[in-house]
Amino acid sequence: MGSWGQGLVLGCCLLLAFVWGPVLSRVPRGQQERQEQEGTQKPPPPMDHTERDEDKQEKYSPNLGEELPASRCFRCCDPATSVYQAIPVPQINITILKGEKGDRGDRGLQGKYGKTGSVGARGHIGPKGQKGSMGAPGDRCKNHYAAFSVGRKKPLHSNDYYQTVVFDTEFVNLYGHFNMFTGRFYCYVPGIYFFSLNVHTWNQKETYLHIMRNTEEVVILYAQVSDRSIMQSQSLMLELREQDEVWVRLFKGERENAIFSDEFDTYITFSGYLVKHAAEP
């Protein structure tokens, strides 16, 4: 056989050794585990002869007729078997240990005030409350006042309906009892009042007005048709209750009537004041 043949045989041997070497070198799994356990397991500690004798006496203490329980061996590494028996946890009845209720302790110190919170949204308006009882009588020595004096700088002509004479100049309006927008005096202090109305007539026209209390015509201010204009006045005293209204009304256009005034002078005035309060004797 030449050198080429020897090399071929040597290559085949190496190939077989490479393929079958790991398979032949394996060890069965069970045998490998037993070898590892035998290598790692520690030798058991020496037994005390005194304890052995006592154990024998306790084991053979039962009656002779009874059979001894068969001993069983367990491996320490076996996870499914417990070497030590589980000791039950003792249960304590808490109701037996509960004592009587003690005395209340002293109150502690007050803590610090917290930060002030933000203001909340405004709530809904609540229902209207019931009317309260009448209060005690006031002091009789207290003085009550009510007074106004207003004027008008614009003329006014009649039309198809009654007109309220509205004033544009305010001389005196104590506590705002006279409303310049509506042209009416509102009584907030009941009692006796004095009122005065002054107007300037218009040439060739009638002057026809009423001083009104609420919806009632109280007095009239009238001037016939004349070639010359004159100053005309009317005054009276009225006993008013609270919330009464006093105002001046121009008659409607059944007759052509008017009152005169201009922007330079005030020709029309209406005044009133409290003479005696209703509560005074």
Protein backbone atom coordinates (compact mmCIF):
# COMPACT_ATOMS: atom_id res chain seq x y z
CA MET A 1 0.00 0.00 0.00
CA GLY A 2 1.43 3.33 -0.97
CA SER A 3 1.65 6.57 1.02
CA TRP A 4 -1.62 7.76 -0.49
CA GLY A 5 -3.50 4.72 0.89
CA GLN A 6 -2.05 5.11 4.36
CA GLY A 7 -3.10 8.74 4.48
CA LEU A 8 -6.64 7.79 3.45
CA VAL A 9 -6.95 5.17 6.25
CA LEU A 10 -5.59 7.61 8.83
CA GLY A 11 -8.13 10.28 7.77
CA CYS A 12 -11.03 7.82 8.11
CA CYS A 13 -9.92 6.88 11.62
CA LEU A 14 -9.75 10.49 12.71
CA LEU A 15 -13.23 11.16 11.30
CA LEU A 16 -14.75 8.22 13.22
CA ALA A 17 -13.07 9.35 16.44
CA PHE A 18 -14.43 12.89 16.02
CA VAL A 19 -18.03 11.69 15.40
CA TRP A 20 -18.37 8.85 17.96
CA GLY A 21 -16.09 10.19 20.69
CA PRO A 22 -18.67 12.39 22.50
CA VAL A 23 -21.36 9.70 22.28
CA LEU A 24 -19.16 7.02 23.87
CA SER A 25 -17.96 9.39 26.60
CA ARG A 26 -21.51 10.21 27.91
CA VAL A 27 -22.62 8.95 31.35
CA PRO A 28 -26.26 8.01 32.03
CA ARG A 29 -28.19 10.78 33.73
CA GLY A 30 -29.32 8.74 36.77
CA GLN A 31 -25.79 7.46 37.39
CA GLN A 32 -24.40 11.00 37.04
CA GLU A 33 -26.91 12.35 39.64
CA ARG A 34 -26.01 9.56 42.10
CA GLN A 35 -22.32 10.31 41.69
CA GLU A 36 -22.89 14.01 42.34
CA GLN A 37 -25.03 13.27 45.43
CA GLU A 38 -22.46 10.85 46.81
CA GLY A 39 -19.71 13.41 46.22
CA THR A 40 -21.58 16.33 47.85
CA GLN A 41 -23.36 14.48 50.69
CA LYS A 42 -21.70 14.98 54.08
CA PRO A 43 -21.11 12.03 56.42
CA PRO A 44 -23.76 11.76 59.17
CA PRO A 45 -22.74 13.05 62.61
CA PRO A 46 -21.82 10.49 65.28
CA MET A 47 -24.77 9.39 67.36
CA ASP A 48 -24.75 9.77 71.09
CA HIS A 49 -25.14 6.39 72.83
CA THR A 50 -27.03 7.90 75.71
CA GLU A 51 -29.59 9.43 73.42
CA ARG A 52 -29.80 6.15 71.48
CA ASP A 53 -30.62 4.22 74.65
CA GLU A 54 -33.33 6.74 75.64
CA ASP A 55 -34.81 6.60 72.15
CA LYS A 56 -34.90 2.80 72.38
CA GLN A 57 -36.67 2.92 75.72
CA GLU A 58 -39.27 5.37 74.37
CA LYS A 59 -39.75 3.31 71.22
CA TYR A 60 -40.35 0.10 73.11
CA SER A 61 -42.47 1.67 75.86
CA PRO A 62 -45.87 0.74 74.25
CA ASN A 63 -47.55 -2.57 74.89
CA LEU A 64 -45.84 -5.63 73.50
CA GLY A 65 -48.89 -6.68 71.58
CA GLU A 66 -48.82 -3.59 69.37
CA GLU A 67 -46.80 -3.57 66.20
CA LEU A 68 -44.09 -0.99 65.79
CA PRO A 69 -44.51 1.41 62.88
CA ALA A 70 -42.27 0.63 59.96
CA SER A 71 -39.45 3.09 59.56
CA ARG A 72 -39.18 5.00 56.37
CA CYS A 73 -36.14 6.66 54.87
CA PHE A 74 -36.32 10.03 53.17
CA ARG A 75 -33.76 11.88 51.17
CA CYS A 76 -32.95 15.41 52.25
CA CYS A 77 -32.84 16.56 48.66
CA ASP A 78 -36.39 15.29 47.89
CA PRO A 79 -38.54 18.46 47.51
CA ALA A 80 -41.86 16.60 47.72
CA THR A 81 -41.28 15.25 51.24
CA SER A 82 -41.08 17.43 54.37
CA VAL A 83 -38.68 16.28 57.02
CA TYR A 84 -40.27 18.36 59.80
CA GLN A 85 -43.97 18.45 60.52
CA ALA A 86 -45.68 21.86 60.36
CA ILE A 87 -46.47 23.29 63.77
CA PRO A 88 -49.92 24.97 63.87
CA VAL A 89 -49.93 28.67 64.75
CA PRO A 90 -51.59 29.28 68.13
CA GLN A 91 -54.86 31.25 67.92
CA ILE A 92 -55.53 33.90 70.59
CA ASN A 93 -59.03 35.11 71.41
CA ILE A 94 -58.65 38.91 71.36
CA THR A 95 -62.03 39.48 73.05
CA ILE A 96 -60.72 37.81 76.20
CA LEU A 97 -57.64 40.06 76.29
CA LYS A 98 -59.67 43.29 75.71
CA GLY A 99 -59.89 45.33 78.87
CA GLU A 100 -62.32 47.99 80.05
CA LYS A 101 -62.53 51.37 78.32
CA GLY A 102 -60.14 53.86 79.85
CA ASP A 103 -60.74 57.45 80.85
CA ARG A 104 -60.68 60.17 78.21
CA GLY A 105 -57.33 61.87 77.89
CA ASP A 106 -56.59 65.57 78.04
CA ARG A 107 -57.32 67.64 74.98
CA GLY A 108 -54.26 68.42 72.90
CA LEU A 109 -53.03 71.82 71.81
CA GLN A 110 -54.75 73.52 68.92
CA GLY A 111 -52.92 73.17 65.64
CA LYS A 112 -51.87 75.96 63.35
CA TYR A 113 -54.40 77.61 61.12
CA GLY A 114 -54.28 76.54 57.49
CA LYS A 115 -53.89 78.82 54.52
CA THR A 116 -56.87 80.88 53.49
CA GLY A 117 -58.60 79.34 50.51
CA SER A 118 -59.76 81.14 47.41
CA VAL A 119 -63.17 82.78 47.34
CA GLY A 120 -65.79 80.46 45.89
CA ALA A 121 -68.35 81.25 43.25
CA ARG A 122 -71.42 83.19 44.27
CA GLY A 123 -74.36 80.95 45.09
CA HIS A 124 -77.87 81.14 43.80
CA ILE A 125 -80.29 83.69 45.21
CA GLY A 126 -82.34 82.12 47.96
CA PRO A 127 -86.09 82.35 48.34
CA LYS A 128 -87.65 85.49 49.74
CA GLY A 129 -88.07 85.34 53.49
CA GLN A 130 -91.20 85.98 55.46
CA LYS A 131 -92.23 89.44 56.54
CA GLY A 132 -90.74 90.36 59.88
CA SER A 133 -92.58 91.57 62.90
CA MET A 134 -93.15 95.27 63.52
CA GLY A 135 -90.32 96.95 65.32
CA ALA A 136 -90.45 99.08 68.43
CA PRO A 137 -91.58 102.71 68.10
CA GLY A 138 -88.83 105.13 67.25
CA ASP A 139 -87.62 108.10 69.20
CA ARG A 140 -90.19 110.91 69.07
CA CYS A 141 -87.49 113.52 69.34
CA LYS A 142 -85.94 112.44 66.06
CA ASN A 143 -86.40 114.94 63.24
CA HIS A 144 -87.63 113.82 59.80
CA TYR A 145 -86.97 115.74 56.61
CA ALA A 146 -88.17 115.60 53.02
CA ALA A 147 -87.93 118.41 50.47
CA PHE A 148 -87.44 119.02 46.74
CA SER A 149 -87.52 121.87 44.21
CA VAL A 150 -87.07 121.32 40.46
CA GLY A 151 -87.52 123.34 37.24
CA ARG A 152 -88.00 123.00 33.46
CA LYS A 153 -86.34 125.06 30.71
CA LYS A 154 -88.21 123.61 27.73
CA PRO A 155 -91.76 124.45 26.59
CA LEU A 156 -94.38 121.73 26.34
CA HIS A 157 -97.39 121.44 23.96
CA SER A 158 -100.37 119.12 24.30
CA ASN A 159 -101.01 116.12 22.00
CA ASP A 160 -103.46 113.24 21.74
CA TYR A 161 -102.67 111.80 25.17
CA TYR A 162 -101.85 112.97 28.67
CA GLN A 163 -98.24 113.92 29.33
CA THR A 164 -96.22 113.84 32.53
CA VAL A 165 -94.30 117.07 33.01
CA VAL A 166 -90.65 116.04 33.33
CA PHE A 167 -88.15 118.48 34.83
CA ASP A 168 -84.55 119.02 33.76
CA THR A 169 -83.21 121.33 36.49
CA GLU A 170 -82.65 120.26 40.08
CA PHE A 171 -82.48 122.91 42.79
CA VAL A 172 -83.06 120.79 45.91
CA ASN A 173 -83.62 117.04 46.06
CA LEU A 174 -83.14 115.90 49.65
CA TYR A 175 -82.26 112.18 49.86
CA GLY A 176 -83.25 111.78 46.18
CA HIS A 177 -86.97 111.40 46.88
CA PHE A 178 -87.84 113.16 43.61
CA ASN A 179 -87.07 111.07 40.52
CA MET A 180 -85.85 113.35 37.70
CA PHE A 181 -86.32 110.60 35.11
CA THR A 182 -90.01 109.91 35.84
CA GLY A 183 -90.90 113.43 37.06
CA ARG A 184 -92.51 112.08 40.26
CA PHE A 185 -92.03 112.64 43.98
CA TYR A 186 -92.06 109.38 45.98
CA CYS A 187 -93.13 109.60 49.62
CA TYR A 188 -90.74 107.74 51.93
CA VAL A 189 -91.61 109.77 55.04
CA PRO A 190 -95.39 109.78 55.66
CA GLY A 191 -96.93 113.01 56.88
CA ILE A 192 -98.33 116.36 55.76
CA TYR A 193 -96.62 118.04 52.77
CA PHE A 194 -96.86 121.42 51.10
CA PHE A 195 -96.63 121.57 47.25
CA SER A 196 -96.34 124.53 44.88
CA LEU A 197 -96.52 124.64 41.04
CA ASN A 198 -95.57 127.71 38.96
CA VAL A 199 -95.85 127.95 35.16
CA HIS A 200 -95.76 130.61 32.40
CA THR A 201 -98.73 130.70 30.02
CA TRP A 202 -98.50 130.82 26.21
CA ASN A 203 -100.05 133.57 24.10
CA GLN A 204 -103.33 132.59 22.43
CA LYS A 205 -103.25 129.14 24.10
CA GLU A 206 -104.84 127.68 27.18
CA THR A 207 -102.89 126.45 30.19
CA TYR A 208 -104.42 123.27 31.58
CA LEU A 209 -102.53 121.11 34.12
CA HIS A 210 -103.30 118.89 37.13
CA ILE A 211 -101.34 118.12 40.28
CA MET A 212 -101.79 114.35 40.71
CA ARG A 213 -101.59 112.03 43.73
CA ASN A 214 -101.06 108.53 42.37
CA THR A 215 -103.82 108.35 39.69
CA GLU A 216 -106.09 110.92 41.32
CA GLU A 217 -106.53 114.50 40.03
CA VAL A 218 -106.12 116.63 43.15
CA VAL A 219 -106.05 120.28 41.94
CA ILE A 220 -106.04 122.05 38.58
CA LEU A 221 -103.92 124.92 37.29
CA TYR A 222 -105.82 126.69 34.53
CA ALA A 223 -105.49 129.91 32.52
CA GLN A 224 -107.75 131.00 29.64
CA VAL A 225 -106.61 132.09 26.20
CA SER A 226 -105.11 135.57 26.35
CA ASP A 227 -103.18 137.94 24.15
CA ARG A 228 -100.48 138.25 26.76
CA SER A 229 -98.68 135.57 28.77
CA ILE A 230 -98.66 135.62 32.56
CA MET A 231 -97.17 133.64 35.45
CA GLN A 232 -99.72 131.24 36.94
CA SER A 233 -99.36 129.27 40.21
CA GLN A 234 -101.13 126.67 42.31
CA SER A 235 -100.32 125.41 45.82
CA LEU A 236 -101.83 122.96 48.31
CA MET A 237 -101.14 120.71 51.29
CA LEU A 238 -101.53 116.94 51.14
CA GLU A 239 -101.39 114.17 53.71
CA LEU A 240 -99.34 111.40 52.18
CA ARG A 241 -98.76 107.81 53.11
CA GLU A 242 -95.62 105.88 52.40
CA GLN A 243 -95.14 105.00 48.69
CA ASP A 244 -97.59 107.71 47.52
CA GLU A 245 -96.60 109.56 44.32
CA VAL A 246 -97.13 113.23 43.49
CA TRP A 247 -96.61 114.56 39.93
CA VAL A 248 -97.82 117.10 37.34
CA ARG A 249 -99.85 116.18 34.25
CA LEU A 250 -100.54 118.22 31.08
CA PHE A 251 -104.05 117.77 29.70
CA LYS A 252 -104.43 115.98 26.37
CA GLY A 253 -105.16 117.62 23.02
CA GLU A 254 -108.93 118.10 23.27
CA ARG A 255 -107.92 121.72 23.77
CA GLU A 256 -104.79 123.36 22.46
CA ASN A 257 -102.85 124.17 25.60
CA ALA A 258 -99.18 124.68 26.40
CA ILE A 259 -96.69 126.06 28.91
CA PHE A 260 -93.83 128.35 27.97
CA SER A 261 -90.13 128.31 28.90
CA ASP A 262 -86.77 128.83 27.20
CA GLU A 263 -83.13 127.81 27.59
CA PHE A 264 -82.08 131.12 29.17
CA ASP A 265 -84.55 131.31 32.05
CA THR A 266 -86.54 128.83 34.10
CA TYR A 267 -90.27 129.61 33.91
CA ILE A 268 -91.67 126.34 35.25
CA THR A 269 -91.01 125.15 38.85
CA PHE A 270 -92.40 122.45 41.11
CA SER A 271 -91.58 122.28 44.85
CA GLY A 272 -92.64 120.40 47.98
CA TYR A 273 -91.52 119.72 51.54
CA LEU A 274 -92.57 117.88 54.69
CA VAL A 275 -94.49 119.97 57.21
CA LYS A 276 -95.27 117.37 59.90
CA HIS A 277 -94.28 113.74 60.23
CA ALA A 278 -97.12 111.26 60.65
CA ALA A 279 -95.63 109.82 63.89
CA GLU A 280 -95.39 113.18 65.61
CA PRO A 281 -98.19 114.04 68.12
